Amino acid sequence: MLKIYGVKTSSNVQKVLWCCSELGLPFERDENTGGPSRSERTAAYMALNPNGLIPTIDDDGFILWESNVIVRYLSAKHGLGTLCPADLKQRAESDRWMDWQQTVIAPPMGVAFRALLRKPAADTPKDEVSAALQKAGDAWKILDGHLATRPFVGGAALTMGDITLGNAVHRWFTLPVERPDLRQLRAWYDRFCARPAYQLHIAGV
């Protein structure tokens, strides 16, 4: 059976858990070997993932780390034609937003999360938090425009591109701040919240 290392509150672990649930894929989770913080990672975990980050998966002896790569792998293996589009251009559409999540939205959202949602909160200067919120809002506007012509980032159906953005958009709408009125983004998030697997692994955690 697939084993997932990492705590369920980790944004990157949540991507993988949501992906597995959408695929109906059974798994077991080990949150002790891959503990909550890097300082708590065991020697056994470091042998699996020398970066010391979570998650890592063990798929019948195949060890894989990096959350977006894990989502791509599981989607291609178990959801080709659904979460992983079979058409190359449609798959590239999902891939693009997976990379965008890591390079564009993750940095400012990370600053905002650590300062405003994490407990204990990071001691981040107010101007840095404000700048991060502005960058995140500007980035979400890009996705809001994209979603004006489709219900999900890859088109008509949920794909791996949505999966990797699910935690970030939940945190965005949870931040205790004023946000721009991004109606398409909000509708997209509401579509996620209507999915039992999203509630189980992200919105309800």
Protein backbone atom coordinates (compact mmCIF):
# COMPACT_ATOMS: atom_id res chain seq x y z
CA MET A 1 0.00 0.00 0.00
CA LEU A 2 1.10 3.55 -0.69
CA LYS A 3 2.72 5.19 2.34
CA ILE A 4 2.75 8.97 2.79
CA TYR A 5 5.20 10.53 5.23
CA GLY A 6 4.23 13.85 6.78
CA VAL A 7 1.77 15.62 9.06
CA LYS A 8 -1.72 16.37 7.79
CA THR A 9 -1.45 20.09 8.59
CA SER A 10 1.40 20.61 6.11
CA SER A 11 0.25 22.39 2.96
CA ASN A 12 2.41 20.16 0.79
CA VAL A 13 1.21 16.97 2.46
CA GLN A 14 -2.39 18.13 2.00
CA LYS A 15 -1.92 18.29 -1.77
CA VAL A 16 -0.99 14.63 -1.84
CA LEU A 17 -3.75 13.55 0.56
CA TRP A 18 -6.39 15.38 -1.47
CA CYS A 19 -5.04 13.89 -4.68
CA CYS A 20 -5.21 10.36 -3.26
CA SER A 21 -8.76 10.84 -2.05
CA GLU A 22 -9.94 12.20 -5.40
CA LEU A 23 -8.40 9.14 -7.03
CA GLY A 24 -9.95 6.76 -4.48
CA LEU A 25 -6.45 5.57 -3.74
CA PRO A 26 -5.88 3.79 -0.40
CA PHE A 27 -2.86 4.89 1.60
CA GLU A 28 -1.37 4.87 5.05
CA ARG A 29 0.24 7.92 6.60
CA ASP A 30 3.31 8.06 8.82
CA GLU A 31 3.62 11.37 10.65
CA ASN A 32 6.17 10.19 13.20
CA THR A 33 9.08 9.41 10.88
CA GLY A 34 8.50 12.67 9.02
CA GLY A 35 7.71 14.83 12.05
CA PRO A 36 6.16 18.32 12.14
CA SER A 37 9.44 20.24 11.84
CA ARG A 38 12.74 19.56 10.14
CA SER A 39 14.48 19.30 13.51
CA GLU A 40 12.15 16.41 14.41
CA ARG A 41 12.84 14.34 11.28
CA THR A 42 14.33 10.98 12.12
CA ALA A 43 17.46 9.47 10.62
CA ALA A 44 15.20 6.97 8.88
CA TYR A 45 13.30 9.80 7.22
CA MET A 46 16.46 11.65 6.20
CA ALA A 47 17.60 8.45 4.49
CA LEU A 48 14.42 8.58 2.38
CA ASN A 49 14.55 12.32 1.70
CA PRO A 50 17.90 14.04 2.31
CA ASN A 51 16.23 17.44 1.98
CA GLY A 52 14.39 16.77 5.22
CA LEU A 53 11.13 18.17 3.80
CA ILE A 54 7.67 16.63 3.67
CA PRO A 55 5.97 14.82 2.09
CA THR A 56 7.75 11.75 0.82
CA ILE A 57 5.93 8.71 -0.53
CA ASP A 58 6.85 5.04 -0.67
CA ASP A 59 4.94 3.39 -3.51
CA ASP A 60 5.83 -0.29 -3.16
CA GLY A 61 9.50 0.58 -2.74
CA PHE A 62 9.58 3.54 -5.12
CA ILE A 63 10.57 6.56 -3.03
CA LEU A 64 9.54 9.98 -4.28
CA TRP A 65 9.63 13.47 -2.80
CA GLU A 66 8.59 16.98 -3.92
CA SER A 67 4.84 17.44 -3.52
CA ASN A 68 3.97 18.61 -7.03
CA VAL A 69 5.98 15.78 -8.56
CA ILE A 70 4.17 13.32 -6.31
CA VAL A 71 0.80 14.70 -7.45
CA ARG A 72 1.90 14.41 -11.10
CA TYR A 73 3.11 10.85 -10.58
CA LEU A 74 -0.01 9.62 -8.80
CA SER A 75 -2.30 11.41 -11.26
CA ALA A 76 -0.52 9.89 -14.25
CA LYS A 77 -0.44 6.42 -12.70
CA HIS A 78 -4.01 6.29 -11.37
CA GLY A 79 -5.87 9.13 -13.07
CA LEU A 80 -4.67 9.34 -16.66
CA GLY A 81 -7.51 10.94 -18.57
CA THR A 82 -8.98 12.55 -15.44
CA LEU A 83 -6.67 14.31 -12.97
CA CYS A 84 -3.86 13.94 -15.50
CA PRO A 85 -5.28 14.93 -18.90
CA ALA A 86 -4.46 12.51 -21.69
CA ASP A 87 -4.28 15.29 -24.27
CA LEU A 88 -0.80 16.81 -24.24
CA LYS A 89 -1.95 20.42 -24.57
CA GLN A 90 -4.54 20.03 -21.84
CA ARG A 91 -1.92 18.41 -19.61
CA ALA A 92 0.45 21.32 -20.25
CA GLU A 93 -2.32 23.67 -19.09
CA SER A 94 -2.43 21.87 -15.75
CA ASP A 95 1.36 21.68 -15.57
CA ARG A 96 1.63 25.42 -16.12
CA TRP A 97 -0.51 26.21 -13.07
CA MET A 98 1.36 23.65 -10.98
CA ASP A 99 4.60 25.49 -11.70
CA TRP A 100 2.88 28.85 -11.17
CA GLN A 101 1.85 27.68 -7.72
CA GLN A 102 5.46 27.08 -6.76
CA THR A 103 7.09 30.09 -8.39
CA VAL A 104 4.47 32.85 -8.15
CA ILE A 105 1.89 32.26 -5.44
CA ALA A 106 3.80 30.19 -2.85
CA PRO A 107 6.41 32.84 -1.86
CA PRO A 108 4.03 35.68 -0.88
CA MET A 109 1.43 33.30 0.54
CA GLY A 110 4.13 31.72 2.68
CA VAL A 111 5.01 35.09 4.22
CA ALA A 112 1.34 35.91 4.85
CA PHE A 113 0.59 32.51 6.34
CA ARG A 114 3.54 32.54 8.73
CA ALA A 115 2.71 36.06 9.91
CA LEU A 116 -1.08 35.85 10.13
CA LEU A 117 -2.22 32.24 10.46
CA ARG A 118 0.60 30.19 11.96
CA LYS A 119 0.66 29.80 15.73
CA PRO A 120 2.97 30.99 17.08
CA ALA A 121 3.13 33.66 14.41
CA ALA A 122 6.40 34.62 12.78
CA ASP A 123 7.77 38.00 13.82
CA THR A 124 7.55 39.54 10.36
CA PRO A 125 7.78 43.32 9.83
CA LYS A 126 4.44 44.83 8.86
CA ASP A 127 5.75 46.27 5.63
CA GLU A 128 6.91 42.81 4.53
CA VAL A 129 3.49 41.36 5.32
CA SER A 130 1.78 44.17 3.40
CA ALA A 131 4.06 43.66 0.41
CA ALA A 132 3.38 39.91 0.46
CA LEU A 133 -0.37 40.45 0.58
CA GLN A 134 -0.16 42.88 -2.36
CA LYS A 135 1.89 40.39 -4.40
CA ALA A 136 -0.46 37.56 -3.56
CA GLY A 137 -3.53 39.63 -4.44
CA ASP A 138 -2.01 40.64 -7.77
CA ALA A 139 -1.17 37.02 -8.53
CA TRP A 140 -4.64 35.78 -7.62
CA LYS A 141 -6.06 38.39 -10.02
CA ILE A 142 -4.23 36.60 -12.84
CA LEU A 143 -5.88 33.32 -11.95
CA ASP A 144 -9.24 35.03 -11.47
CA GLY A 145 -9.07 36.25 -15.05
CA HIS A 146 -8.15 32.79 -16.29
CA LEU A 147 -11.11 31.26 -14.47
CA ALA A 148 -13.56 33.64 -16.18
CA THR A 149 -13.75 31.20 -19.10
CA ARG A 150 -13.58 27.85 -17.32
CA PRO A 151 -14.61 26.29 -14.00
CA PHE A 152 -11.19 24.75 -13.27
CA VAL A 153 -7.66 25.74 -14.23
CA GLY A 154 -7.36 23.06 -16.92
CA GLY A 155 -10.86 23.44 -18.33
CA ALA A 156 -14.17 21.77 -17.53
CA ALA A 157 -13.00 19.28 -14.92
CA LEU A 158 -10.78 19.13 -11.85
CA THR A 159 -7.16 18.25 -12.66
CA MET A 160 -3.82 18.01 -10.91
CA GLY A 161 -3.37 21.71 -11.64
CA ASP A 162 -6.20 22.51 -9.25
CA ILE A 163 -4.99 20.03 -6.65
CA THR A 164 -1.69 21.81 -6.11
CA LEU A 165 -3.39 25.18 -5.64
CA GLY A 166 -6.10 23.97 -3.27
CA ASN A 167 -4.33 24.67 0.00
CA ALA A 168 -3.08 28.08 -1.10
CA VAL A 169 -6.53 29.36 -2.06
CA HIS A 170 -7.99 28.06 1.19
CA ARG A 171 -5.38 30.00 3.15
CA TRP A 172 -6.06 33.09 1.04
CA PHE A 173 -9.72 33.10 1.99
CA THR A 174 -8.86 32.34 5.62
CA LEU A 175 -6.42 35.23 6.08
CA PRO A 176 -7.85 37.87 8.48
CA VAL A 177 -7.40 40.72 5.97
CA GLU A 178 -9.36 42.62 3.35
CA ARG A 179 -9.07 41.02 -0.06
CA PRO A 180 -9.86 42.21 -3.59
CA ASP A 181 -13.25 41.10 -4.90
CA LEU A 182 -12.21 38.16 -7.07
CA ARG A 183 -15.51 36.52 -7.91
CA GLN A 184 -14.20 33.81 -10.22
CA LEU A 185 -11.55 32.82 -7.71
CA ARG A 186 -14.17 32.65 -4.95
CA ALA A 187 -16.48 30.51 -7.10
CA TRP A 188 -13.55 28.17 -7.86
CA TYR A 189 -12.80 27.87 -4.15
CA ASP A 190 -16.49 27.20 -3.43
CA ARG A 191 -16.43 24.39 -6.00
CA PHE A 192 -13.53 22.87 -4.07
CA CYS A 193 -15.38 23.22 -0.76
CA ALA A 194 -18.29 21.23 -2.20
CA ARG A 195 -15.99 18.23 -2.68
CA PRO A 196 -15.86 15.80 0.30
CA ALA A 197 -12.18 15.01 -0.26
CA TYR A 198 -11.27 18.71 -0.10
CA GLN A 199 -13.23 19.16 3.08
CA LEU A 200 -11.55 16.14 4.62
CA HIS A 201 -7.96 17.06 3.82
CA ILE A 202 -7.87 20.86 3.47
CA ALA A 203 -10.90 22.98 4.38
CA GLY A 204 -11.81 20.94 7.44
CA VAL A 205 -8.31 20.55 8.86
